């Protein structure tokens, strides 16, 4: 199933993101965790792709297992940074052969050691080039992309960021998922600006439940996300107690999702970090809401 079929129904939906293992030694444990999340029957599940394609084989293995065993639509991530055109085309062919219909086209993080490399020599510098490659492949993919409500860290300003985002959508992106957000008002403001710019595809806000205090610094480093004072107070109060912090983090994420649903956002994506218990609790907190609409 193409994800646009889910989004076009205008019903409330909740999806989860998982990541593949980095090595064979932990494959079974990661696979089991993703299966527990799939058993919740979310609207879809996305499977990430390691920097430089290091986990690409596992990405497809996990995505195929979820789709075939649980019937959950899957979204396979694909990155292109520092890759050759030949490599990317091979990966696209593998995705097609695996029967995966949905692809998240991402530039990807710059691999360690290449931060100061001359990127002008790379065949792919931006995700838009990957979107075009996917469209030119002849495969009938539903293509998604990423967006940054708080501005891409490499953009000069938000106006430039939105201009590039419009170009990516015009190239073939059919939906967008945001980086993690902790303040819904930033998302609503972003939505207003991109709709004004003529970007009309579905936008899924990305919610990450912070279940331990150590995740905070990493989340900020990865996404540059703004942490509202309400959230900082939560971490200050409960961060020293793992059980309390977990409960508070799930409650905060649940509250964000309820607010989004109440304000007309029909599809929300949760960065569940291979934590079935967290995914299950959030879904349980929303069971009547999801069931009613």
C-alpha atoms as a PDB file:
ATOM      1  CA  UNK A   1       0.000   0.000   0.000  1.00  0.00           C
ATOM      2  CA  UNK A   2       1.218   3.475  -0.873  1.00  0.00           C
ATOM      3  CA  UNK A   3       1.241   5.791   2.122  1.00  0.00           C
ATOM      4  CA  UNK A   4      -0.630   8.482   0.234  1.00  0.00           C
ATOM      5  CA  UNK A   5      -3.641   6.149   0.337  1.00  0.00           C
ATOM      6  CA  UNK A   6      -3.521   6.359   4.134  1.00  0.00           C
ATOM      7  CA  UNK A   7      -3.042  10.123   4.211  1.00  0.00           C
ATOM      8  CA  UNK A   8      -5.859  10.781   1.743  1.00  0.00           C
ATOM      9  CA  UNK A   9      -8.407   9.035   3.964  1.00  0.00           C
ATOM     10  CA  UNK A  10      -8.244  11.962   6.402  1.00  0.00           C
ATOM     11  CA  UNK A  11      -8.596   9.576   9.313  1.00  0.00           C
ATOM     12  CA  UNK A  12      -6.373   9.889  12.360  1.00  0.00           C
ATOM     13  CA  UNK A  13      -3.307   7.699  12.080  1.00  0.00           C
ATOM     14  CA  UNK A  14      -0.199   6.970  14.122  1.00  0.00           C
ATOM     15  CA  UNK A  15       3.005   5.554  12.676  1.00  0.00           C
ATOM     16  CA  UNK A  16       6.296   4.449  14.226  1.00  0.00           C
ATOM     17  CA  UNK A  17       9.926   4.596  13.177  1.00  0.00           C
ATOM     18  CA  UNK A  18      12.481   1.861  13.857  1.00  0.00           C
ATOM     19  CA  UNK A  19      16.132   1.448  12.998  1.00  0.00           C
ATOM     20  CA  UNK A  20      17.972  -1.651  11.739  1.00  0.00           C
ATOM     21  CA  UNK A  21      20.897  -3.305  13.551  1.00  0.00           C
ATOM     22  CA  UNK A  22      24.451  -2.315  12.738  1.00  0.00           C
ATOM     23  CA  UNK A  23      25.779  -5.883  12.923  1.00  0.00           C
ATOM     24  CA  UNK A  24      24.578  -9.475  12.562  1.00  0.00           C
ATOM     25  CA  UNK A  25      25.176 -10.137  16.252  1.00  0.00           C
ATOM     26  CA  UNK A  26      22.243  -7.971  17.336  1.00  0.00           C
ATOM     27  CA  UNK A  27      19.992  -8.604  14.343  1.00  0.00           C
ATOM     28  CA  UNK A  28      17.641 -10.987  16.160  1.00  0.00           C
ATOM     29  CA  UNK A  29      17.093  -8.684  19.138  1.00  0.00           C
ATOM     30  CA  UNK A  30      16.389  -5.697  16.889  1.00  0.00           C
ATOM     31  CA  UNK A  31      14.127  -7.780  14.655  1.00  0.00           C
ATOM     32  CA  UNK A  32      12.149  -8.919  17.702  1.00  0.00           C
ATOM     33  CA  UNK A  33      11.724  -5.315  18.872  1.00  0.00           C
ATOM     34  CA  UNK A  34      10.466  -4.200  15.468  1.00  0.00           C
ATOM     35  CA  UNK A  35       8.065  -7.141  15.365  1.00  0.00           C
ATOM     36  CA  UNK A  36       6.597  -6.157  18.734  1.00  0.00           C
ATOM     37  CA  UNK A  37       5.930  -2.689  17.364  1.00  0.00           C
ATOM     38  CA  UNK A  38       4.494  -4.123  14.134  1.00  0.00           C
ATOM     39  CA  UNK A  39       2.151  -6.270  16.236  1.00  0.00           C
ATOM     40  CA  UNK A  40       0.516  -3.012  17.383  1.00  0.00           C
ATOM     41  CA  UNK A  41      -0.639  -2.573  13.750  1.00  0.00           C
ATOM     42  CA  UNK A  42       0.271   1.097  13.329  1.00  0.00           C
ATOM     43  CA  UNK A  43      -0.746   2.881  10.138  1.00  0.00           C
ATOM     44  CA  UNK A  44       2.782   2.267   8.813  1.00  0.00           C
ATOM     45  CA  UNK A  45       6.370   1.815   9.967  1.00  0.00           C
ATOM     46  CA  UNK A  46       9.475   3.474   8.614  1.00  0.00           C
ATOM     47  CA  UNK A  47      12.886   1.801   8.727  1.00  0.00           C
ATOM     48  CA  UNK A  48      15.962   4.029   8.785  1.00  0.00           C
ATOM     49  CA  UNK A  49      19.162   3.725   6.800  1.00  0.00           C
ATOM     50  CA  UNK A  50      22.602   4.083   8.373  1.00  0.00           C
ATOM     51  CA  UNK A  51      25.102   6.793   7.424  1.00  0.00           C
ATOM     52  CA  UNK A  52      26.868   5.860   4.221  1.00  0.00           C
ATOM     53  CA  UNK A  53      24.497   2.955   3.667  1.00  0.00           C
ATOM     54  CA  UNK A  54      26.129   0.786   6.309  1.00  0.00           C
ATOM     55  CA  UNK A  55      22.843  -0.819   7.353  1.00  0.00           C
ATOM     56  CA  UNK A  56      21.135  -0.868   3.951  1.00  0.00           C
ATOM     57  CA  UNK A  57      20.856  -4.667   3.814  1.00  0.00           C
ATOM     58  CA  UNK A  58      19.268  -4.770   7.252  1.00  0.00           C
ATOM     59  CA  UNK A  59      16.907  -1.914   6.353  1.00  0.00           C
ATOM     60  CA  UNK A  60      15.341  -4.029   3.628  1.00  0.00           C
ATOM     61  CA  UNK A  61      15.361  -7.210   5.736  1.00  0.00           C
ATOM     62  CA  UNK A  62      13.464  -5.473   8.538  1.00  0.00           C
ATOM     63  CA  UNK A  63      11.069  -3.681   6.170  1.00  0.00           C
ATOM     64  CA  UNK A  64      10.234  -6.873   4.248  1.00  0.00           C
ATOM     65  CA  UNK A  65       9.653  -8.846   7.465  1.00  0.00           C
ATOM     66  CA  UNK A  66       7.274  -6.210   8.846  1.00  0.00           C
ATOM     67  CA  UNK A  67       5.339  -6.035   5.581  1.00  0.00           C
ATOM     68  CA  UNK A  68       5.138  -9.768   4.908  1.00  0.00           C
ATOM     69  CA  UNK A  69       4.584 -11.107   8.413  1.00  0.00           C
ATOM     70  CA  UNK A  70       2.359  -8.389   9.876  1.00  0.00           C
ATOM     71  CA  UNK A  71       0.848  -6.711   6.832  1.00  0.00           C
ATOM     72  CA  UNK A  72       1.981  -3.299   8.042  1.00  0.00           C
ATOM     73  CA  UNK A  73       2.847  -0.867   5.210  1.00  0.00           C
ATOM     74  CA  UNK A  74       6.534   0.003   5.327  1.00  0.00           C
ATOM     75  CA  UNK A  75       8.625   2.994   4.368  1.00  0.00           C
ATOM     76  CA  UNK A  76      12.271   2.238   3.573  1.00  0.00           C
ATOM     77  CA  UNK A  77      14.747   5.059   4.031  1.00  0.00           C
ATOM     78  CA  UNK A  78      17.385   5.663   1.372  1.00  0.00           C
ATOM     79  CA  UNK A  79      20.283   8.115   1.578  1.00  0.00           C
ATOM     80  CA  UNK A  80      22.606   9.288  -1.154  1.00  0.00           C
ATOM     81  CA  UNK A  81      25.327  11.350   0.503  1.00  0.00           C
ATOM     82  CA  UNK A  82      28.850  10.440  -0.702  1.00  0.00           C
ATOM     83  CA  UNK A  83      27.393   7.546  -2.752  1.00  0.00           C
ATOM     84  CA  UNK A  84      28.010   6.919  -6.421  1.00  0.00           C
ATOM     85  CA  UNK A  85      25.161   6.901  -8.930  1.00  0.00           C
ATOM     86  CA  UNK A  86      25.807   3.221  -9.574  1.00  0.00           C
ATOM     87  CA  UNK A  87      25.486   2.379  -5.867  1.00  0.00           C
ATOM     88  CA  UNK A  88      22.267   4.336  -5.486  1.00  0.00           C
ATOM     89  CA  UNK A  89      20.740   2.726  -8.548  1.00  0.00           C
ATOM     90  CA  UNK A  90      21.610  -0.721  -7.166  1.00  0.00           C
ATOM     91  CA  UNK A  91      19.863   0.155  -3.894  1.00  0.00           C
ATOM     92  CA  UNK A  92      16.803   1.396  -5.757  1.00  0.00           C
ATOM     93  CA  UNK A  93      16.690  -1.876  -7.702  1.00  0.00           C
ATOM     94  CA  UNK A  94      16.908  -3.861  -4.444  1.00  0.00           C
ATOM     95  CA  UNK A  95      14.051  -1.888  -2.913  1.00  0.00           C
ATOM     96  CA  UNK A  96      11.926  -2.504  -5.986  1.00  0.00           C
ATOM     97  CA  UNK A  97      12.685  -6.251  -5.966  1.00  0.00           C
ATOM     98  CA  UNK A  98      11.763  -6.397  -2.270  1.00  0.00           C
ATOM     99  CA  UNK A  99       8.276  -5.163  -3.122  1.00  0.00           C
ATOM    100  CA  UNK A 100       8.632  -1.988  -1.029  1.00  0.00           C
ATOM    101  CA  UNK A 101       6.418   0.729  -2.497  1.00  0.00           C
ATOM    102  CA  UNK A 102       7.349   3.619  -0.196  1.00  0.00           C
ATOM    103  CA  UNK A 103      10.769   5.280  -0.042  1.00  0.00           C
ATOM    104  CA  UNK A 104      12.021   8.097   2.170  1.00  0.00           C
ATOM    105  CA  UNK A 105      14.529  10.025   0.055  1.00  0.00           C
ATOM    106  CA  UNK A 106      17.190  11.643   2.232  1.00  0.00           C
ATOM    107  CA  UNK A 107      20.546  13.205   1.679  1.00  0.00           C
ATOM    108  CA  UNK A 108      21.738  11.609   4.920  1.00  0.00           C
ATOM    109  CA  UNK A 109      24.262  12.657   7.531  1.00  0.00           C
ATOM    110  CA  UNK A 110      27.783  13.396   6.347  1.00  0.00           C
ATOM    111  CA  UNK A 111      29.906  10.339   7.263  1.00  0.00           C
ATOM    112  CA  UNK A 112      32.545  10.822   9.948  1.00  0.00           C
ATOM    113  CA  UNK A 113      35.787  12.070   8.493  1.00  0.00           C
ATOM    114  CA  UNK A 114      34.141  13.656   5.455  1.00  0.00           C
ATOM    115  CA  UNK A 115      32.766  16.768   7.133  1.00  0.00           C
ATOM    116  CA  UNK A 116      35.301  18.999   5.375  1.00  0.00           C
ATOM    117  CA  UNK A 117      35.422  17.093   2.088  1.00  0.00           C
ATOM    118  CA  UNK A 118      34.863  18.832  -1.250  1.00  0.00           C
ATOM    119  CA  UNK A 119      31.229  17.908  -1.822  1.00  0.00           C
ATOM    120  CA  UNK A 120      31.199  19.442  -5.297  1.00  0.00           C
ATOM    121  CA  UNK A 121      32.809  16.232  -6.551  1.00  0.00           C
ATOM    122  CA  UNK A 122      30.020  14.053  -5.145  1.00  0.00           C
ATOM    123  CA  UNK A 123      27.324  12.809  -7.502  1.00  0.00           C
ATOM    124  CA  UNK A 124      24.632  13.635  -4.927  1.00  0.00           C
ATOM    125  CA  UNK A 125      24.804  16.738  -2.753  1.00  0.00           C
ATOM    126  CA  UNK A 126      21.104  17.120  -1.994  1.00  0.00           C
ATOM    127  CA  UNK A 127      18.031  14.944  -1.453  1.00  0.00           C
ATOM    128  CA  UNK A 128      16.333  16.499  -4.475  1.00  0.00           C
ATOM    129  CA  UNK A 129      18.821  14.669  -6.694  1.00  0.00           C
ATOM    130  CA  UNK A 130      17.802  11.382  -5.101  1.00  0.00           C
ATOM    131  CA  UNK A 131      14.121  12.204  -5.583  1.00  0.00           C
ATOM    132  CA  UNK A 132      14.793  12.731  -9.286  1.00  0.00           C
ATOM    133  CA  UNK A 133      16.743   9.476  -9.447  1.00  0.00           C
ATOM    134  CA  UNK A 134      13.837   7.593  -7.892  1.00  0.00           C
ATOM    135  CA  UNK A 135      11.362   9.153 -10.321  1.00  0.00           C
ATOM    136  CA  UNK A 136      13.611   8.292 -13.267  1.00  0.00           C
ATOM    137  CA  UNK A 137      14.009   4.669 -12.148  1.00  0.00           C
ATOM    138  CA  UNK A 138      10.727   3.597 -13.693  1.00  0.00           C
ATOM    139  CA  UNK A 139       9.530   2.156 -10.375  1.00  0.00           C
ATOM    140  CA  UNK A 140       6.160   3.364  -9.119  1.00  0.00           C
ATOM    141  CA  UNK A 141       7.381   4.512  -5.707  1.00  0.00           C
ATOM    142  CA  UNK A 142       5.563   6.743  -3.260  1.00  0.00           C
ATOM    143  CA  UNK A 143       8.372   9.125  -2.314  1.00  0.00           C
ATOM    144  CA  UNK A 144       8.678  10.951   0.982  1.00  0.00           C
ATOM    145  CA  UNK A 145      11.126  13.566   2.180  1.00  0.00           C
ATOM    146  CA  UNK A 146      12.265  15.340   5.324  1.00  0.00           C
ATOM    147  CA  UNK A 147      11.554  18.909   6.405  1.00  0.00           C
ATOM    148  CA  UNK A 148      12.758  21.153   9.207  1.00  0.00           C
ATOM    149  CA  UNK A 149      10.209  23.356  11.013  1.00  0.00           C
ATOM    150  CA  UNK A 150      13.135  25.064  12.754  1.00  0.00           C
ATOM    151  CA  UNK A 151      15.206  25.462   9.539  1.00  0.00           C
ATOM    152  CA  UNK A 152      17.747  23.028   8.104  1.00  0.00           C
ATOM    153  CA  UNK A 153      21.074  23.631   9.899  1.00  0.00           C
ATOM    154  CA  UNK A 154      22.810  24.317   6.569  1.00  0.00           C
ATOM    155  CA  UNK A 155      20.248  26.815   5.283  1.00  0.00           C
ATOM    156  CA  UNK A 156      20.864  30.549   5.461  1.00  0.00           C
ATOM    157  CA  UNK A 157      17.311  31.240   6.606  1.00  0.00           C
ATOM    158  CA  UNK A 158      13.833  29.744   6.574  1.00  0.00           C
ATOM    159  CA  UNK A 159      12.838  31.415   3.321  1.00  0.00           C
ATOM    160  CA  UNK A 160      15.712  29.697   1.518  1.00  0.00           C
ATOM    161  CA  UNK A 161      14.891  26.417   3.258  1.00  0.00           C
ATOM    162  CA  UNK A 162      11.247  26.542   2.160  1.00  0.00           C
ATOM    163  CA  UNK A 163      12.270  27.438  -1.397  1.00  0.00           C
ATOM    164  CA  UNK A 164      14.431  24.299  -1.606  1.00  0.00           C
ATOM    165  CA  UNK A 165      11.634  22.286   0.015  1.00  0.00           C
ATOM    166  CA  UNK A 166       9.207  23.443  -2.699  1.00  0.00           C
ATOM    167  CA  UNK A 167      11.757  22.384  -5.317  1.00  0.00           C
ATOM    168  CA  UNK A 168      11.980  18.933  -3.721  1.00  0.00           C
ATOM    169  CA  UNK A 169       8.189  18.548  -3.731  1.00  0.00           C
ATOM    170  CA  UNK A 170       7.987  19.701  -7.340  1.00  0.00           C
ATOM    171  CA  UNK A 171      10.588  17.045  -8.222  1.00  0.00           C
ATOM    172  CA  UNK A 172       8.313  14.281  -6.932  1.00  0.00           C
ATOM    173  CA  UNK A 173       8.071  14.192  -3.120  1.00  0.00           C
ATOM    174  CA  UNK A 174       4.511  13.177  -2.254  1.00  0.00           C
ATOM    175  CA  UNK A 175       4.675  13.735   1.501  1.00  0.00           C
ATOM    176  CA  UNK A 176       7.043  15.176   4.103  1.00  0.00           C
ATOM    177  CA  UNK A 177       7.939  14.200   7.647  1.00  0.00           C
ATOM    178  CA  UNK A 178       9.408  16.738  10.047  1.00  0.00           C
ATOM    179  CA  UNK A 179      12.426  16.436  12.243  1.00  0.00           C
ATOM    180  CA  UNK A 180      11.460  15.865  15.862  1.00  0.00           C
ATOM    181  CA  UNK A 181       9.533  18.736  17.422  1.00  0.00           C
ATOM    182  CA  UNK A 182       8.867  19.468  21.069  1.00  0.00           C
ATOM    183  CA  UNK A 183       6.845  22.659  20.623  1.00  0.00           C
ATOM    184  CA  UNK A 184       3.740  22.257  18.472  1.00  0.00           C
ATOM    185  CA  UNK A 185       3.435  26.005  17.915  1.00  0.00           C
ATOM    186  CA  UNK A 186       6.617  25.930  15.850  1.00  0.00           C
ATOM    187  CA  UNK A 187       5.028  23.276  13.655  1.00  0.00           C
ATOM    188  CA  UNK A 188       1.807  25.237  13.189  1.00  0.00           C
ATOM    189  CA  UNK A 189       3.797  28.324  12.193  1.00  0.00           C
ATOM    190  CA  UNK A 190       5.834  26.247   9.746  1.00  0.00           C
ATOM    191  CA  UNK A 191       2.671  24.774   8.227  1.00  0.00           C
ATOM    192  CA  UNK A 192       1.271  28.238   7.597  1.00  0.00           C
ATOM    193  CA  UNK A 193       4.461  29.335   5.830  1.00  0.00           C
ATOM    194  CA  UNK A 194       4.811  26.292   3.578  1.00  0.00           C
ATOM    195  CA  UNK A 195       1.155  26.346   2.570  1.00  0.00           C
ATOM    196  CA  UNK A 196       1.617  30.002   1.651  1.00  0.00           C
ATOM    197  CA  UNK A 197       4.596  28.905  -0.459  1.00  0.00           C
ATOM    198  CA  UNK A 198       2.400  26.476  -2.404  1.00  0.00           C
ATOM    199  CA  UNK A 199       3.504  23.234  -0.741  1.00  0.00           C
ATOM    200  CA  UNK A 200       0.304  21.221  -0.458  1.00  0.00           C
ATOM    201  CA  UNK A 201       1.500  17.640   0.141  1.00  0.00           C
ATOM    202  CA  UNK A 202       0.731  15.922   3.486  1.00  0.00           C
ATOM    203  CA  UNK A 203       3.083  16.933   6.311  1.00  0.00           C
ATOM    204  CA  UNK A 204       3.624  14.510   9.191  1.00  0.00           C
ATOM    205  CA  UNK A 205       4.934  16.026  12.416  1.00  0.00           C
ATOM    206  CA  UNK A 206       7.650  13.891  14.004  1.00  0.00           C
ATOM    207  CA  UNK A 207       7.314  13.290  17.743  1.00  0.00           C
ATOM    208  CA  UNK A 208      10.090  11.750  19.826  1.00  0.00           C
ATOM    209  CA  UNK A 209       9.231  10.517  23.331  1.00  0.00           C
ATOM    210  CA  UNK A 210      12.197  11.457  25.547  1.00  0.00           C
ATOM    211  CA  UNK A 211      12.226   8.669  28.125  1.00  0.00           C
ATOM    212  CA  UNK A 212      15.573   9.340  29.788  1.00  0.00           C
ATOM    213  CA  UNK A 213      17.440  12.558  30.508  1.00  0.00           C
ATOM    214  CA  UNK A 214      20.487  11.501  28.493  1.00  0.00           C
ATOM    215  CA  UNK A 215      18.418  11.648  25.288  1.00  0.00           C
ATOM    216  CA  UNK A 216      17.952  15.403  25.569  1.00  0.00           C
ATOM    217  CA  UNK A 217      21.438  16.504  24.544  1.00  0.00           C
ATOM    218  CA  UNK A 218      21.540  13.953  21.734  1.00  0.00           C
ATOM    219  CA  UNK A 219      18.144  15.075  20.421  1.00  0.00           C
ATOM    220  CA  UNK A 220      19.294  18.695  20.348  1.00  0.00           C
ATOM    221  CA  UNK A 221      22.545  17.750  18.615  1.00  0.00           C
ATOM    222  CA  UNK A 222      20.788  15.648  15.982  1.00  0.00           C
ATOM    223  CA  UNK A 223      17.972  18.008  15.129  1.00  0.00           C
ATOM    224  CA  UNK A 224      18.720  21.390  16.659  1.00  0.00           C
ATOM    225  CA  UNK A 225      15.225  21.229  18.131  1.00  0.00           C
ATOM    226  CA  UNK A 226      13.972  23.961  20.415  1.00  0.00           C
ATOM    227  CA  UNK A 227      13.200  22.687  23.909  1.00  0.00           C
ATOM    228  CA  UNK A 228      10.362  24.685  25.499  1.00  0.00           C
ATOM    229  CA  UNK A 229      10.627  25.593  29.170  1.00  0.00           C
ATOM    230  CA  UNK A 230       7.752  23.258  29.991  1.00  0.00           C
ATOM    231  CA  UNK A 231       9.801  20.346  28.694  1.00  0.00           C
ATOM    232  CA  UNK A 232      13.002  21.506  30.415  1.00  0.00           C
ATOM    233  CA  UNK A 233      11.126  21.670  33.721  1.00  0.00           C
ATOM    234  CA  UNK A 234       9.930  18.107  33.201  1.00  0.00           C
ATOM    235  CA  UNK A 235      13.507  16.887  32.702  1.00  0.00           C
ATOM    236  CA  UNK A 236      14.779  18.893  35.688  1.00  0.00           C
ATOM    237  CA  UNK A 237      12.099  17.412  37.937  1.00  0.00           C
ATOM    238  CA  UNK A 238      12.054  13.780  36.810  1.00  0.00           C
ATOM    239  CA  UNK A 239      15.362  13.253  34.983  1.00  0.00           C
ATOM    240  CA  UNK A 240      17.106  11.626  37.951  1.00  0.00           C
ATOM    241  CA  UNK A 241      14.446   8.906  38.230  1.00  0.00           C
ATOM    242  CA  UNK A 242      14.414   6.563  35.196  1.00  0.00           C
ATOM    243  CA  UNK A 243      10.895   5.291  35.842  1.00  0.00           C
ATOM    244  CA  UNK A 244       9.437   8.736  36.463  1.00  0.00           C
ATOM    245  CA  UNK A 245      11.234  10.253  33.471  1.00  0.00           C
ATOM    246  CA  UNK A 246       9.942   7.506  31.212  1.00  0.00           C
ATOM    247  CA  UNK A 247       6.374   8.045  32.354  1.00  0.00           C
ATOM    248  CA  UNK A 248       6.668  11.817  32.054  1.00  0.00           C
ATOM    249  CA  UNK A 249       8.261  11.613  28.601  1.00  0.00           C
ATOM    250  CA  UNK A 250       5.491   9.359  27.303  1.00  0.00           C
ATOM    251  CA  UNK A 251       2.868  11.688  28.789  1.00  0.00           C
ATOM    252  CA  UNK A 252       4.495  14.733  27.159  1.00  0.00           C
ATOM    253  CA  UNK A 253       4.617  13.044  23.741  1.00  0.00           C
ATOM    254  CA  UNK A 254       1.013  11.878  24.124  1.00  0.00           C
ATOM    255  CA  UNK A 255      -0.079  15.413  24.965  1.00  0.00           C
ATOM    256  CA  UNK A 256       1.674  16.726  21.848  1.00  0.00           C
ATOM    257  CA  UNK A 257      -0.094  14.171  19.659  1.00  0.00           C
ATOM    258  CA  UNK A 258      -3.511  14.926  21.172  1.00  0.00           C
ATOM    259  CA  UNK A 259      -2.974  18.634  20.539  1.00  0.00           C
ATOM    260  CA  UNK A 260      -1.972  17.949  16.925  1.00  0.00           C
ATOM    261  CA  UNK A 261      -5.037  15.783  16.326  1.00  0.00           C
ATOM    262  CA  UNK A 262      -7.277  18.382  17.966  1.00  0.00           C
ATOM    263  CA  UNK A 263      -5.921  21.028  15.603  1.00  0.00           C
ATOM    264  CA  UNK A 264      -6.654  19.144  12.416  1.00  0.00           C
ATOM    265  CA  UNK A 265      -3.412  17.213  11.891  1.00  0.00           C
ATOM    266  CA  UNK A 266      -4.508  13.717  10.889  1.00  0.00           C
ATOM    267  CA  UNK A 267      -1.198  11.824  10.614  1.00  0.00           C
ATOM    268  CA  UNK A 268       1.543  11.818  13.267  1.00  0.00           C
ATOM    269  CA  UNK A 269       4.858   9.969  13.103  1.00  0.00           C
ATOM    270  CA  UNK A 270       6.559   8.760  16.298  1.00  0.00           C
ATOM    271  CA  UNK A 271      10.302   8.222  16.552  1.00  0.00           C
ATOM    272  CA  UNK A 272       9.893   5.166  18.751  1.00  0.00           C
ATOM    273  CA  UNK A 273      13.591   4.184  18.798  1.00  0.00           C
ATOM    274  CA  UNK A 274      12.950   0.399  18.776  1.00  0.00           C
ATOM    275  CA  UNK A 275      11.134   0.623  22.112  1.00  0.00           C
ATOM    276  CA  UNK A 276       7.986  -1.510  21.891  1.00  0.00           C
ATOM    277  CA  UNK A 277       6.848  -0.638  25.403  1.00  0.00           C
ATOM    278  CA  UNK A 278       6.980   3.095  24.652  1.00  0.00           C
ATOM    279  CA  UNK A 279       5.136   2.656  21.348  1.00  0.00           C
ATOM    280  CA  UNK A 280       2.504   0.479  23.017  1.00  0.00           C
ATOM    281  CA  UNK A 281       1.915   2.936  25.843  1.00  0.00           C
ATOM    282  CA  UNK A 282       1.496   5.892  23.508  1.00  0.00           C
ATOM    283  CA  UNK A 283      -0.896   3.949  21.310  1.00  0.00           C
ATOM    284  CA  UNK A 284      -2.865   2.808  24.378  1.00  0.00           C
ATOM    285  CA  UNK A 285      -3.092   6.408  25.610  1.00  0.00           C
ATOM    286  CA  UNK A 286      -4.703   7.312  22.275  1.00  0.00           C
ATOM    287  CA  UNK A 287      -6.809   4.194  21.709  1.00  0.00           C
ATOM    288  CA  UNK A 288     -10.232   5.833  21.961  1.00  0.00           C
ATOM    289  CA  UNK A 289      -9.123   8.910  20.043  1.00  0.00           C
ATOM    290  CA  UNK A 290      -7.713   6.834  17.191  1.00  0.00           C
ATOM    291  CA  UNK A 291     -10.749   4.577  17.220  1.00  0.00           C
ATOM    292  CA  UNK A 292     -13.287   7.364  16.980  1.00  0.00           C
ATOM    293  CA  UNK A 293     -12.082   9.239  13.931  1.00  0.00           C
END
